[in-house]
Every structure is written in structure tokens, then in C-alpha cells.
PDB file of N, CA and C in Angstrom:
ATOM      1  N   MET A   1      29.498  21.344 -32.806  1.00  0.00           N
ATOM      2  CA  MET A   1      29.574  19.947 -32.433  1.00  0.00           C
ATOM      3  C   MET A   1      29.443  19.776 -30.919  1.00  0.00           C
ATOM      4  N   LYS A   2      30.063  20.699 -30.153  1.00  0.00           N
ATOM      5  CA  LYS A   2      29.973  20.610 -28.691  1.00  0.00           C
ATOM      6  C   LYS A   2      28.516  20.714 -28.243  1.00  0.00           C
ATOM      7  N   GLN A   3      27.759  21.623 -28.868  1.00  0.00           N
ATOM      8  CA  GLN A   3      26.352  21.786 -28.484  1.00  0.00           C
ATOM      9  C   GLN A   3      25.550  20.521 -28.773  1.00  0.00           C
ATOM     10  N   PHE A   4      25.848  19.877 -29.900  1.00  0.00           N
ATOM     11  CA  PHE A   4      25.165  18.637 -30.242  1.00  0.00           C
ATOM     12  C   PHE A   4      25.465  17.551 -29.216  1.00  0.00           C
ATOM     13  N   LEU A   5      26.720  17.404 -28.828  1.00  0.00           N
ATOM     14  CA  LEU A   5      27.099  16.396 -27.838  1.00  0.00           C
ATOM     15  C   LEU A   5      26.476  16.692 -26.482  1.00  0.00           C
ATOM     16  N   LEU A   6      26.438  17.969 -26.105  1.00  0.00           N
ATOM     17  CA  LEU A   6      25.818  18.357 -24.843  1.00  0.00           C
ATOM     18  C   LEU A   6      24.322  18.038 -24.870  1.00  0.00           C
ATOM     19  N   ALA A   7      23.670  18.339 -25.984  1.00  0.00           N
ATOM     20  CA  ALA A   7      22.246  18.039 -26.114  1.00  0.00           C
ATOM     21  C   ALA A   7      21.997  16.543 -26.019  1.00  0.00           C
ATOM     22  N   CYS A   8      22.853  15.747 -26.628  1.00  0.00           N
ATOM     23  CA  CYS A   8      22.711  14.288 -26.550  1.00  0.00           C
ATOM     24  C   CYS A   8      22.896  13.795 -25.115  1.00  0.00           C
ATOM     25  N   ALA A   9      23.860  14.359 -24.410  1.00  0.00           N
ATOM     26  CA  ALA A   9      24.110  13.958 -23.022  1.00  0.00           C
ATOM     27  C   ALA A   9      22.926  14.309 -22.138  1.00  0.00           C
ATOM     28  N   ILE A  10      22.351  15.491 -22.328  1.00  0.00           N
ATOM     29  CA  ILE A  10      21.192  15.909 -21.528  1.00  0.00           C
ATOM     30  C   ILE A  10      19.992  15.014 -21.831  1.00  0.00           C
ATOM     31  N   ALA A  11      19.759  14.745 -23.109  1.00  0.00           N
ATOM     32  CA  ALA A  11      18.637  13.880 -23.492  1.00  0.00           C
ATOM     33  C   ALA A  11      18.811  12.483 -22.917  1.00  0.00           C
ATOM     34  N   SER A  12      20.024  11.975 -22.937  1.00  0.00           N
ATOM     35  CA  SER A  12      20.298  10.650 -22.395  1.00  0.00           C
ATOM     36  C   SER A  12      20.041  10.609 -20.897  1.00  0.00           C
ATOM     37  N   ALA A  13      20.460  11.638 -20.177  1.00  0.00           N
ATOM     38  CA  ALA A  13      20.239  11.698 -18.725  1.00  0.00           C
ATOM     39  C   ALA A  13      18.756  11.801 -18.412  1.00  0.00           C
ATOM     40  N   ALA A  14      18.025  12.587 -19.200  1.00  0.00           N
ATOM     41  CA  ALA A  14      16.588  12.739 -18.963  1.00  0.00           C
ATOM     42  C   ALA A  14      15.858  11.424 -19.198  1.00  0.00           C
ATOM     43  N   MET A  15      16.286  10.666 -20.192  1.00  0.00           N
ATOM     44  CA  MET A  15      15.654   9.383 -20.461  1.00  0.00           C
ATOM     45  C   MET A  15      15.998   8.363 -19.392  1.00  0.00           C
ATOM     46  N   ALA A  16      17.139   8.480 -18.761  1.00  0.00           N
ATOM     47  CA  ALA A  16      17.563   7.509 -17.751  1.00  0.00           C
ATOM     48  C   ALA A  16      16.834   7.714 -16.432  1.00  0.00           C
ATOM     49  N   SER A  17      16.446   8.925 -16.084  1.00  0.00           N
ATOM     50  CA  SER A  17      15.875   9.171 -14.769  1.00  0.00           C
ATOM     51  C   SER A  17      14.546   8.468 -14.524  1.00  0.00           C
ATOM     52  N   PRO A  18      13.599   8.346 -15.493  1.00  0.00           N
ATOM     53  CA  PRO A  18      12.399   7.575 -15.185  1.00  0.00           C
ATOM     54  C   PRO A  18      12.710   6.111 -14.893  1.00  0.00           C
ATOM     55  N   VAL A  19      13.684   5.547 -15.562  1.00  0.00           N
ATOM     56  CA  VAL A  19      14.063   4.161 -15.307  1.00  0.00           C
ATOM     57  C   VAL A  19      14.623   4.028 -13.900  1.00  0.00           C
ATOM     58  N   ALA A  20      15.460   4.983 -13.495  1.00  0.00           N
ATOM     59  CA  ALA A  20      16.022   4.947 -12.147  1.00  0.00           C
ATOM     60  C   ALA A  20      14.919   5.079 -11.105  1.00  0.00           C
ATOM     61  N   ALA A  21      13.909   5.911 -11.373  1.00  0.00           N
ATOM     62  CA  ALA A  21      12.815   6.090 -10.421  1.00  0.00           C
ATOM     63  C   ALA A  21      12.044   4.787 -10.251  1.00  0.00           C
ATOM     64  N   LEU A  22      11.836   4.050 -11.337  1.00  0.00           N
ATOM     65  CA  LEU A  22      11.111   2.788 -11.240  1.00  0.00           C
ATOM     66  C   LEU A  22      11.844   1.791 -10.355  1.00  0.00           C
ATOM     67  N   ALA A  23      13.156   1.811 -10.389  1.00  0.00           N
ATOM     68  CA  ALA A  23      13.933   0.884  -9.571  1.00  0.00           C
ATOM     69  C   ALA A  23      13.754   1.157  -8.087  1.00  0.00           C
ATOM     70  N   ASP A  24      13.360   2.374  -7.736  1.00  0.00           N
ATOM     71  CA  ASP A  24      13.196   2.747  -6.335  1.00  0.00           C
ATOM     72  C   ASP A  24      11.762   2.569  -5.837  1.00  0.00           C
ATOM     73  N   ASP A  25      10.835   2.135  -6.673  1.00  0.00           N
ATOM     74  CA  ASP A  25       9.457   1.953  -6.240  1.00  0.00           C
ATOM     75  C   ASP A  25       9.388   0.889  -5.153  1.00  0.00           C
ATOM     76  N   LEU A  26       8.601   1.186  -4.119  1.00  0.00           N
ATOM     77  CA  LEU A  26       8.378   0.237  -3.037  1.00  0.00           C
ATOM     78  C   LEU A  26       6.888   0.009  -2.873  1.00  0.00           C
ATOM     79  N   PHE A  27       6.521  -1.238  -2.666  1.00  0.00           N
ATOM     80  CA  PHE A  27       5.127  -1.620  -2.498  1.00  0.00           C
ATOM     81  C   PHE A  27       4.895  -2.192  -1.103  1.00  0.00           C
ATOM     82  N   GLY A  28       3.693  -2.025  -0.637  1.00  0.00           N
ATOM     83  CA  GLY A  28       3.238  -2.650   0.592  1.00  0.00           C
ATOM     84  C   GLY A  28       1.794  -3.083   0.396  1.00  0.00           C
ATOM     85  N   ALA A  29       1.288  -3.883   1.311  1.00  0.00           N
ATOM     86  CA  ALA A  29      -0.094  -4.348   1.222  1.00  0.00           C
ATOM     87  C   ALA A  29      -0.604  -4.690   2.610  1.00  0.00           C
ATOM     88  N   ILE A  30      -1.924  -4.666   2.735  1.00  0.00           N
ATOM     89  CA  ILE A  30      -2.595  -5.096   3.960  1.00  0.00           C
ATOM     90  C   ILE A  30      -3.667  -6.102   3.548  1.00  0.00           C
ATOM     91  N   ALA A  31      -3.682  -7.243   4.219  1.00  0.00           N
ATOM     92  CA  ALA A  31      -4.699  -8.278   3.995  1.00  0.00           C
ATOM     93  C   ALA A  31      -5.561  -8.371   5.252  1.00  0.00           C
ATOM     94  N   TYR A  32      -6.820  -8.773   5.076  1.00  0.00           N
ATOM     95  CA  TYR A  32      -7.759  -8.787   6.190  1.00  0.00           C
ATOM     96  C   TYR A  32      -8.729  -9.950   6.077  1.00  0.00           C
ATOM     97  N   SER A  33      -9.086 -10.496   7.227  1.00  0.00           N
ATOM     98  CA  SER A  33     -10.126 -11.517   7.332  1.00  0.00           C
ATOM     99  C   SER A  33     -11.319 -10.888   8.047  1.00  0.00           C
ATOM    100  N   GLY A  34     -12.407 -10.695   7.325  1.00  0.00           N
ATOM    101  CA  GLY A  34     -13.602 -10.108   7.923  1.00  0.00           C
ATOM    102  C   GLY A  34     -14.245 -10.990   8.970  1.00  0.00           C
ATOM    103  N   SER A  35     -14.074 -12.296   8.854  1.00  0.00           N
ATOM    104  CA  SER A  35     -14.723 -13.206   9.808  1.00  0.00           C
ATOM    105  C   SER A  35     -13.992 -13.280  11.145  1.00  0.00           C
ATOM    106  N   THR A  36     -12.672 -13.120  11.128  1.00  0.00           N
ATOM    107  CA  THR A  36     -11.907 -13.248  12.377  1.00  0.00           C
ATOM    108  C   THR A  36     -11.301 -11.930  12.855  1.00  0.00           C
ATOM    109  N   GLY A  37     -11.217 -10.950  11.965  1.00  0.00           N
ATOM    110  CA  GLY A  37     -10.555  -9.694  12.326  1.00  0.00           C
ATOM    111  C   GLY A  37      -9.036  -9.780  12.231  1.00  0.00           C
ATOM    112  N   SER A  38      -8.528 -10.901  11.767  1.00  0.00           N
ATOM    113  CA  SER A  38      -7.076 -11.043  11.613  1.00  0.00           C
ATOM    114  C   SER A  38      -6.603 -10.228  10.423  1.00  0.00           C
ATOM    115  N   TYR A  39      -5.377  -9.783  10.510  1.00  0.00           N
ATOM    116  CA  TYR A  39      -4.810  -9.035   9.390  1.00  0.00           C
ATOM    117  C   TYR A  39      -3.322  -9.326   9.290  1.00  0.00           C
ATOM    118  N   GLY A  40      -2.784  -9.008   8.142  1.00  0.00           N
ATOM    119  CA  GLY A  40      -1.358  -9.124   7.904  1.00  0.00           C
ATOM    120  C   GLY A  40      -0.933  -7.987   7.002  1.00  0.00           C
ATOM    121  N   TRP A  41       0.320  -7.631   7.061  1.00  0.00           N
ATOM    122  CA  TRP A  41       0.798  -6.522   6.240  1.00  0.00           C
ATOM    123  C   TRP A  41       2.201  -6.816   5.735  1.00  0.00           C
ATOM    124  N   SER A  42       2.592  -6.026   4.756  1.00  0.00           N
ATOM    125  CA  SER A  42       3.946  -6.123   4.219  1.00  0.00           C
ATOM    126  C   SER A  42       4.383  -4.743   3.753  1.00  0.00           C
ATOM    127  N   THR A  43       5.671  -4.498   3.768  1.00  0.00           N
ATOM    128  CA  THR A  43       6.235  -3.242   3.277  1.00  0.00           C
ATOM    129  C   THR A  43       7.589  -3.520   2.643  1.00  0.00           C
ATOM    130  N   GLY A  44       8.018  -2.596   1.801  1.00  0.00           N
ATOM    131  CA  GLY A  44       9.363  -2.641   1.261  1.00  0.00           C
ATOM    132  C   GLY A  44       9.589  -3.615   0.120  1.00  0.00           C
ATOM    133  N   PHE A  45       8.551  -4.027  -0.579  1.00  0.00           N
ATOM    134  CA  PHE A  45       8.705  -4.977  -1.675  1.00  0.00           C
ATOM    135  C   PHE A  45       8.839  -4.244  -3.010  1.00  0.00           C
ATOM    136  N   SER A  46       9.534  -4.878  -3.950  1.00  0.00           N
ATOM    137  CA  SER A  46       9.773  -4.241  -5.248  1.00  0.00           C
ATOM    138  C   SER A  46       8.639  -4.467  -6.236  1.00  0.00           C
ATOM    139  N   THR A  47       7.680  -5.361  -5.905  1.00  0.00           N
ATOM    140  CA  THR A  47       6.522  -5.571  -6.773  1.00  0.00           C
ATOM    141  C   THR A  47       5.245  -5.655  -5.942  1.00  0.00           C
ATOM    142  N   ARG A  48       4.151  -5.293  -6.579  1.00  0.00           N
ATOM    143  CA  ARG A  48       2.841  -5.387  -5.928  1.00  0.00           C
ATOM    144  C   ARG A  48       2.539  -6.842  -5.581  1.00  0.00           C
ATOM    145  N   ARG A  49       2.791  -7.729  -6.510  1.00  0.00           N
ATOM    146  CA  ARG A  49       2.483  -9.148  -6.309  1.00  0.00           C
ATOM    147  C   ARG A  49       3.195  -9.710  -5.076  1.00  0.00           C
ATOM    148  N   ALA A  50       4.473  -9.383  -4.930  1.00  0.00           N
ATOM    149  CA  ALA A  50       5.232  -9.887  -3.778  1.00  0.00           C
ATOM    150  C   ALA A  50       4.690  -9.309  -2.477  1.00  0.00           C
ATOM    151  N   ALA A  51       4.333  -8.032  -2.490  1.00  0.00           N
ATOM    152  CA  ALA A  51       3.783  -7.400  -1.278  1.00  0.00           C
ATOM    153  C   ALA A  51       2.456  -8.028  -0.889  1.00  0.00           C
ATOM    154  N   GLU A  52       1.590  -8.257  -1.870  1.00  0.00           N
ATOM    155  CA  GLU A  52       0.292  -8.861  -1.587  1.00  0.00           C
ATOM    156  C   GLU A  52       0.441 -10.292  -1.084  1.00  0.00           C
ATOM    157  N   ARG A  53       1.348 -11.037  -1.685  1.00  0.00           N
ATOM    158  CA  ARG A  53       1.577 -12.425  -1.272  1.00  0.00           C
ATOM    159  C   ARG A  53       2.046 -12.488   0.187  1.00  0.00           C
ATOM    160  N   GLU A  54       2.961 -11.611   0.560  1.00  0.00           N
ATOM    161  CA  GLU A  54       3.463 -11.579   1.945  1.00  0.00           C
ATOM    162  C   GLU A  54       2.359 -11.202   2.929  1.00  0.00           C
ATOM    163  N   ALA A  55       1.568 -10.181   2.593  1.00  0.00           N
ATOM    164  CA  ALA A  55       0.478  -9.754   3.474  1.00  0.00           C
ATOM    165  C   ALA A  55      -0.541 -10.877   3.646  1.00  0.00           C
ATOM    166  N   LEU A  56      -0.901 -11.541   2.545  1.00  0.00           N
ATOM    167  CA  LEU A  56      -1.837 -12.664   2.629  1.00  0.00           C
ATOM    168  C   LEU A  56      -1.273 -13.794   3.466  1.00  0.00           C
ATOM    169  N   GLY A  57       0.009 -14.069   3.325  1.00  0.00           N
ATOM    170  CA  GLY A  57       0.649 -15.116   4.126  1.00  0.00           C
ATOM    171  C   GLY A  57       0.648 -14.773   5.601  1.00  0.00           C
ATOM    172  N   ASN A  58       0.942 -13.526   5.927  1.00  0.00           N
ATOM    173  CA  ASN A  58       0.952 -13.106   7.330  1.00  0.00           C
ATOM    174  C   ASN A  58      -0.443 -13.173   7.940  1.00  0.00           C
ATOM    175  N   CYS A  59      -1.444 -12.797   7.179  1.00  0.00           N
ATOM    176  CA  CYS A  59      -2.826 -12.892   7.656  1.00  0.00           C
ATOM    177  C   CYS A  59      -3.260 -14.353   7.721  1.00  0.00           C
ATOM    178  N   GLY A  60      -2.858 -15.119   6.717  1.00  0.00           N
ATOM    179  CA  GLY A  60      -3.249 -16.520   6.621  1.00  0.00           C
ATOM    180  C   GLY A  60      -2.715 -17.400   7.727  1.00  0.00           C
ATOM    181  N   ASP A  61      -1.742 -16.904   8.482  1.00  0.00           N
ATOM    182  CA  ASP A  61      -1.260 -17.654   9.639  1.00  0.00           C
ATOM    183  C   ASP A  61      -2.329 -17.739  10.723  1.00  0.00           C
ATOM    184  N   ARG A  62      -3.314 -16.850  10.673  1.00  0.00           N
ATOM    185  CA  ARG A  62      -4.344 -16.790  11.712  1.00  0.00           C
ATOM    186  C   ARG A  62      -5.768 -16.977  11.189  1.00  0.00           C
ATOM    187  N   ALA A  63      -5.946 -16.956   9.862  1.00  0.00           N
ATOM    188  CA  ALA A  63      -7.292 -17.092   9.286  1.00  0.00           C
ATOM    189  C   ALA A  63      -7.179 -17.694   7.891  1.00  0.00           C
ATOM    190  N   ASN A  64      -8.253 -18.339   7.443  1.00  0.00           N
ATOM    191  CA  ASN A  64      -8.192 -18.962   6.117  1.00  0.00           C
ATOM    192  C   ASN A  64      -9.012 -18.225   5.062  1.00  0.00           C
ATOM    193  N   ASP A  65      -9.547 -17.061   5.394  1.00  0.00           N
ATOM    194  CA  ASP A  65     -10.349 -16.316   4.422  1.00  0.00           C
ATOM    195  C   ASP A  65      -9.809 -14.898   4.195  1.00  0.00           C
ATOM    196  N   CYS A  66      -8.514 -14.728   4.305  1.00  0.00           N
ATOM    197  CA  CYS A  66      -7.907 -13.402   4.131  1.00  0.00           C
ATOM    198  C   CYS A  66      -8.010 -12.949   2.685  1.00  0.00           C
ATOM    199  N   GLU A  67      -8.159 -11.659   2.516  1.00  0.00           N
ATOM    200  CA  GLU A  67      -8.156 -11.054   1.197  1.00  0.00           C
ATOM    201  C   GLU A  67      -7.324  -9.779   1.249  1.00  0.00           C
ATOM    202  N   VAL A  68      -6.787  -9.385   0.119  1.00  0.00           N
ATOM    203  CA  VAL A  68      -6.022  -8.143   0.076  1.00  0.00           C
ATOM    204  C   VAL A  68      -7.002  -6.989   0.242  1.00  0.00           C
ATOM    205  N   ALA A  69      -6.816  -6.231   1.293  1.00  0.00           N
ATOM    206  CA  ALA A  69      -7.681  -5.092   1.565  1.00  0.00           C
ATOM    207  C   ALA A  69      -7.221  -3.866   0.774  1.00  0.00           C
ATOM    208  N   THR A  70      -5.913  -3.669   0.693  1.00  0.00           N
ATOM    209  CA  THR A  70      -5.357  -2.563  -0.077  1.00  0.00           C
ATOM    210  C   THR A  70      -3.883  -2.840  -0.337  1.00  0.00           C
ATOM    211  N   TYR A  71      -3.394  -2.241  -1.395  1.00  0.00           N
ATOM    212  CA  TYR A  71      -1.950  -2.222  -1.636  1.00  0.00           C
ATOM    213  C   TYR A  71      -1.562  -0.765  -1.840  1.00  0.00           C
ATOM    214  N   PHE A  72      -0.289  -0.480  -1.704  1.00  0.00           N
ATOM    215  CA  PHE A  72       0.174   0.900  -1.852  1.00  0.00           C
ATOM    216  C   PHE A  72       1.575   0.906  -2.441  1.00  0.00           C
ATOM    217  N   LYS A  73       1.825   1.898  -3.287  1.00  0.00           N
ATOM    218  CA  LYS A  73       3.094   2.033  -3.989  1.00  0.00           C
ATOM    219  C   LYS A  73       3.672   3.404  -3.659  1.00  0.00           C
ATOM    220  N   ASN A  74       4.843   3.406  -3.025  1.00  0.00           N
ATOM    221  CA  ASN A  74       5.482   4.664  -2.616  1.00  0.00           C
ATOM    222  C   ASN A  74       4.506   5.526  -1.816  1.00  0.00           C
ATOM    223  N   ALA A  75       3.730   4.883  -0.968  1.00  0.00           N
ATOM    224  CA  ALA A  75       2.672   5.558  -0.218  1.00  0.00           C
ATOM    225  C   ALA A  75       2.408   4.773   1.062  1.00  0.00           C
ATOM    226  N   CYS A  76       1.293   5.066   1.704  1.00  0.00           N
ATOM    227  CA  CYS A  76       0.894   4.377   2.928  1.00  0.00           C
ATOM    228  C   CYS A  76      -0.476   3.736   2.738  1.00  0.00           C
ATOM    229  N   GLY A  77      -0.754   2.706   3.508  1.00  0.00           N
ATOM    230  CA  GLY A  77      -2.046   2.038   3.481  1.00  0.00           C
ATOM    231  C   GLY A  77      -2.590   1.901   4.887  1.00  0.00           C
ATOM    232  N   SER A  78      -3.909   1.868   4.984  1.00  0.00           N
ATOM    233  CA  SER A  78      -4.538   1.775   6.296  1.00  0.00           C
ATOM    234  C   SER A  78      -5.778   0.888   6.225  1.00  0.00           C
ATOM    235  N   LEU A  79      -6.054   0.228   7.336  1.00  0.00           N
ATOM    236  CA  LEU A  79      -7.225  -0.629   7.496  1.00  0.00           C
ATOM    237  C   LEU A  79      -7.984  -0.163   8.719  1.00  0.00           C
ATOM    238  N   ALA A  80      -9.297   0.020   8.576  1.00  0.00           N
ATOM    239  CA  ALA A  80     -10.167   0.378   9.696  1.00  0.00           C
ATOM    240  C   ALA A  80     -11.264  -0.670   9.794  1.00  0.00           C
ATOM    241  N   ALA A  81     -11.663  -1.009  11.010  1.00  0.00           N
ATOM    242  CA  ALA A  81     -12.713  -1.998  11.233  1.00  0.00           C
ATOM    243  C   ALA A  81     -13.791  -1.410  12.132  1.00  0.00           C
ATOM    244  N   GLY A  82     -15.028  -1.861  11.901  1.00  0.00           N
ATOM    245  CA  GLY A  82     -16.169  -1.342  12.659  1.00  0.00           C
ATOM    246  C   GLY A  82     -16.647  -2.298  13.730  1.00  0.00           C
ATOM    247  N   ALA A  83     -17.650  -1.858  14.451  1.00  0.00           N
ATOM    248  CA  ALA A  83     -18.183  -2.610  15.581  1.00  0.00           C
ATOM    249  C   ALA A  83     -18.995  -3.828  15.155  1.00  0.00           C
ATOM    250  N   ASN A  84     -19.515  -3.833  13.924  1.00  0.00           N
ATOM    251  CA  ASN A  84     -20.403  -4.904  13.486  1.00  0.00           C
ATOM    252  C   ASN A  84     -19.831  -5.737  12.337  1.00  0.00           C
ATOM    253  N   GLY A  85     -18.516  -5.803  12.240  1.00  0.00           N
ATOM    254  CA  GLY A  85     -17.881  -6.629  11.220  1.00  0.00           C
ATOM    255  C   GLY A  85     -17.563  -5.930   9.913  1.00  0.00           C
ATOM    256  N   GLY A  86     -18.019  -4.713   9.750  1.00  0.00           N
ATOM    257  CA  GLY A  86     -17.687  -3.965   8.540  1.00  0.00           C
ATOM    258  C   GLY A  86     -16.265  -3.429   8.612  1.00  0.00           C
ATOM    259  N   TRP A  87     -15.716  -3.118   7.481  1.00  0.00           N
ATOM    260  CA  TRP A  87     -14.348  -2.606   7.455  1.00  0.00           C
ATOM    261  C   TRP A  87     -14.121  -1.795   6.191  1.00  0.00           C
ATOM    262  N   GLY A  88     -13.011  -1.094   6.167  1.00  0.00           N
ATOM    263  CA  GLY A  88     -12.622  -0.330   4.993  1.00  0.00           C
ATOM    264  C   GLY A  88     -11.117  -0.165   4.970  1.00  0.00           C
ATOM    265  N   ALA A  89     -10.570  -0.072   3.796  1.00  0.00           N
ATOM    266  CA  ALA A  89      -9.130   0.114   3.644  1.00  0.00           C
ATOM    267  C   ALA A  89      -8.892   1.061   2.479  1.00  0.00           C
ATOM    268  N   ASN A  90      -7.761   1.748   2.536  1.00  0.00           N
ATOM    269  CA  ASN A  90      -7.415   2.665   1.458  1.00  0.00           C
ATOM    270  C   ASN A  90      -5.959   3.050   1.592  1.00  0.00           C
ATOM    271  N   TRP A  91      -5.476   3.865   0.667  1.00  0.00           N
ATOM    272  CA  TRP A  91      -4.086   4.305   0.665  1.00  0.00           C
ATOM    273  C   TRP A  91      -4.050   5.823   0.530  1.00  0.00           C
ATOM    274  N   GLY A  92      -2.899   6.392   0.879  1.00  0.00           N
ATOM    275  CA  GLY A  92      -2.693   7.826   0.741  1.00  0.00           C
ATOM    276  C   GLY A  92      -1.213   8.145   0.697  1.00  0.00           C
ATOM    277  N   ASP A  93      -0.907   9.379   0.377  1.00  0.00           N
ATOM    278  CA  ASP A  93       0.486   9.799   0.271  1.00  0.00           C
ATOM    279  C   ASP A  93       1.196   9.826   1.615  1.00  0.00           C
ATOM    280  N   HIS A  94       0.438   9.886   2.710  1.00  0.00           N
ATOM    281  CA  HIS A  94       1.023   9.845   4.054  1.00  0.00           C
ATOM    282  C   HIS A  94       0.048   9.123   4.978  1.00  0.00           C
ATOM    283  N   MET A  95       0.494   8.802   6.178  1.00  0.00           N
ATOM    284  CA  MET A  95      -0.313   8.000   7.111  1.00  0.00           C
ATOM    285  C   MET A  95      -1.678   8.622   7.393  1.00  0.00           C
ATOM    286  N   GLY A  96      -1.687   9.911   7.668  1.00  0.00           N
ATOM    287  CA  GLY A  96      -2.942  10.582   7.997  1.00  0.00           C
ATOM    288  C   GLY A  96      -3.964  10.488   6.888  1.00  0.00           C
ATOM    289  N   GLU A  97      -3.528  10.674   5.656  1.00  0.00           N
ATOM    290  CA  GLU A  97      -4.442  10.588   4.517  1.00  0.00           C
ATOM    291  C   GLU A  97      -4.976   9.160   4.355  1.00  0.00           C
ATOM    292  N   ALA A  98      -4.095   8.171   4.480  1.00  0.00           N
ATOM    293  CA  ALA A  98      -4.525   6.775   4.364  1.00  0.00           C
ATOM    294  C   ALA A  98      -5.551   6.434   5.443  1.00  0.00           C
ATOM    295  N   GLU A  99      -5.321   6.883   6.664  1.00  0.00           N
ATOM    296  CA  GLU A  99      -6.243   6.604   7.764  1.00  0.00           C
ATOM    297  C   GLU A  99      -7.594   7.276   7.548  1.00  0.00           C
ATOM    298  N   ARG A 100      -7.594   8.529   7.127  1.00  0.00           N
ATOM    299  CA  ARG A 100      -8.861   9.236   6.873  1.00  0.00           C
ATOM    300  C   ARG A 100      -9.671   8.528   5.790  1.00  0.00           C
ATOM    301  N   LYS A 101      -8.998   8.115   4.732  1.00  0.00           N
ATOM    302  CA  LYS A 101      -9.696   7.458   3.633  1.00  0.00           C
ATOM    303  C   LYS A 101     -10.215   6.083   4.042  1.00  0.00           C
ATOM    304  N   ALA A 102      -9.451   5.330   4.815  1.00  0.00           N
ATOM    305  CA  ALA A 102      -9.909   4.024   5.299  1.00  0.00           C
ATOM    306  C   ALA A 102     -11.106   4.181   6.232  1.00  0.00           C
ATOM    307  N   MET A 103     -11.060   5.176   7.088  1.00  0.00           N
ATOM    308  CA  MET A 103     -12.182   5.436   8.002  1.00  0.00           C
ATOM    309  C   MET A 103     -13.441   5.819   7.226  1.00  0.00           C
ATOM    310  N   ARG A 104     -13.283   6.611   6.188  1.00  0.00           N
ATOM    311  CA  ARG A 104     -14.430   7.023   5.370  1.00  0.00           C
ATOM    312  C   ARG A 104     -15.092   5.790   4.731  1.00  0.00           C
ATOM    313  N   VAL A 105     -14.291   4.866   4.201  1.00  0.00           N
ATOM    314  CA  VAL A 105     -14.835   3.642   3.600  1.00  0.00           C
ATOM    315  C   VAL A 105     -15.510   2.790   4.674  1.00  0.00           C
ATOM    316  N   CYS A 106     -14.876   2.640   5.812  1.00  0.00           N
ATOM    317  CA  CYS A 106     -15.431   1.829   6.892  1.00  0.00           C
ATOM    318  C   CYS A 106     -16.772   2.382   7.367  1.00  0.00           C
ATOM    319  N   LYS A 107     -16.853   3.685   7.525  1.00  0.00           N
ATOM    320  CA  LYS A 107     -18.088   4.299   8.032  1.00  0.00           C
ATOM    321  C   LYS A 107     -19.264   4.144   7.067  1.00  0.00           C
ATOM    322  N   LYS A 108     -18.984   3.887   5.800  1.00  0.00           N
ATOM    323  CA  LYS A 108     -20.061   3.597   4.844  1.00  0.00           C
ATOM    324  C   LYS A 108     -20.633   2.209   5.086  1.00  0.00           C
ATOM    325  N   ASN A 109     -19.849   1.332   5.710  1.00  0.00           N
ATOM    326  CA  ASN A 109     -20.237  -0.064   5.925  1.00  0.00           C
ATOM    327  C   ASN A 109     -20.602  -0.399   7.355  1.00  0.00           C
ATOM    328  N   ASP A 110     -20.241   0.452   8.300  1.00  0.00           N
ATOM    329  CA  ASP A 110     -20.374   0.077   9.704  1.00  0.00           C
ATOM    330  C   ASP A 110     -20.315   1.328  10.580  1.00  0.00           C
ATOM    331  N   SER A 111     -20.566   1.129  11.854  1.00  0.00           N
ATOM    332  CA  SER A 111     -20.415   2.213  12.824  1.00  0.00           C
ATOM    333  C   SER A 111     -19.301   1.836  13.798  1.00  0.00           C
ATOM    334  N   GLY A 112     -18.871   2.769  14.583  1.00  0.00           N
ATOM    335  CA  GLY A 112     -17.836   2.486  15.575  1.00  0.00           C
ATOM    336  C   GLY A 112     -16.508   2.096  14.963  1.00  0.00           C
ATOM    337  N   CYS A 113     -16.189   2.651  13.811  1.00  0.00           N
ATOM    338  CA  CYS A 113     -14.941   2.294  13.129  1.00  0.00           C
ATOM    339  C   CYS A 113     -13.724   2.864  13.843  1.00  0.00           C
ATOM    340  N   SER A 114     -12.647   2.120  13.792  1.00  0.00           N
ATOM    341  CA  SER A 114     -11.364   2.602  14.288  1.00  0.00           C
ATOM    342  C   SER A 114     -10.248   2.013  13.429  1.00  0.00           C
ATOM    343  N   VAL A 115      -9.145   2.718  13.375  1.00  0.00           N
ATOM    344  CA  VAL A 115      -8.001   2.272  12.579  1.00  0.00           C
ATOM    345  C   VAL A 115      -7.378   1.056  13.257  1.00  0.00           C
ATOM    346  N   VAL A 116      -7.134   0.012  12.476  1.00  0.00           N
ATOM    347  CA  VAL A 116      -6.529  -1.218  12.969  1.00  0.00           C
ATOM    348  C   VAL A 116      -5.024  -1.189  12.742  1.00  0.00           C
ATOM    349  N   VAL A 117      -4.619  -0.823  11.535  1.00  0.00           N
ATOM    350  CA  VAL A 117      -3.198  -0.792  11.201  1.00  0.00           C
ATOM    351  C   VAL A 117      -2.966   0.212  10.068  1.00  0.00           C
ATOM    352  N   THR A 118      -1.828   0.873  10.131  1.00  0.00           N
ATOM    353  CA  THR A 118      -1.394   1.775   9.063  1.00  0.00           C
ATOM    354  C   THR A 118       0.095   1.548   8.866  1.00  0.00           C
ATOM    355  N   LYS A 119       0.480   1.358   7.620  1.00  0.00           N
ATOM    356  CA  LYS A 119       1.889   1.130   7.273  1.00  0.00           C
ATOM    357  C   LYS A 119       2.228   1.913   6.021  1.00  0.00           C
ATOM    358  N   CYS A 120       3.498   2.239   5.876  1.00  0.00           N
ATOM    359  CA  CYS A 120       3.980   2.903   4.670  1.00  0.00           C
ATOM    360  C   CYS A 120       4.957   1.969   3.945  1.00  0.00           C
ATOM    361  N   ALA A 121       4.999   2.107   2.642  1.00  0.00           N
ATOM    362  CA  ALA A 121       5.786   1.196   1.810  1.00  0.00           C
ATOM    363  C   ALA A 121       7.266   1.178   2.200  1.00  0.00           C
ATOM    364  N   ASP A 122       7.754   2.283   2.719  1.00  0.00           N
ATOM    365  CA  ASP A 122       9.182   2.349   3.062  1.00  0.00           C
ATOM    366  C   ASP A 122       9.458   2.077   4.533  1.00  0.00           C
ATOM    367  N   ASP A 123       8.481   1.524   5.264  1.00  0.00           N
ATOM    368  CA  ASP A 123       8.694   1.176   6.695  1.00  0.00           C
ATOM    369  C   ASP A 123       9.769   0.123   6.817  1.00  0.00           C
TER     370      ASP A 123
END
């Protein structure tokens, strides 16, 4: 009987841990206006929707054509912009990875790309 109760306790704990992990998820987002170069970002939100809404609002304070460039969950996001209006954004497990990936996307669209902003969800 003790072994059965122990097995039930272990199974219960194992089932609880994915739920606990979900409660700790953090989202962030970066929004960008290609016409003005304005951007906005958000970090530390419990849902993607809330993070995107905040980033769009922060960008929208300076431009009326902002769009979500990238969102990130328990990760980092980066935005890079080029010399001729092109841009790229992406996410990665750490800042360096997010920046490299954003630069790679930007360079497909433009030349003279540089990182504009990089943030992590837990900033």
C-alpha cells in the first residue's frame, strides 16, 4: 500500500509541474513602423496578446502604422533596420542569438543593417 501511495504522489507531482511552468511563462514583443523608424517594446507579460498590445501602443505614440515585428516567450527579441528602409526582426534563446537572426532577416531586405533594439521577456 505504501508503494501505491508513493507512486500516486510522484505521479501527482509530475502532472503538476507542467502547469506550474506555464504560470511562469513571460512574453515580450517589439512593434515597428517602417515609414518612420519608430518602435515600441514590451516585456514581462503573462500573455502574447498583452505583450503585443503594449508594444503596439508604445510604438503608436510616435507613428500610426506600427506592426508587431516579433514576439518572444521566455526568450529575447531583436529588431534590426537597414539604410534604405528595410528591416528584420526575430527571437532567440538569448540576446546574441536574437540579434544575429534579426540581422540575417534585415540583410535579405536591405544593406547597412544595424540592431535597433533587443529585449528579453524577463527584463
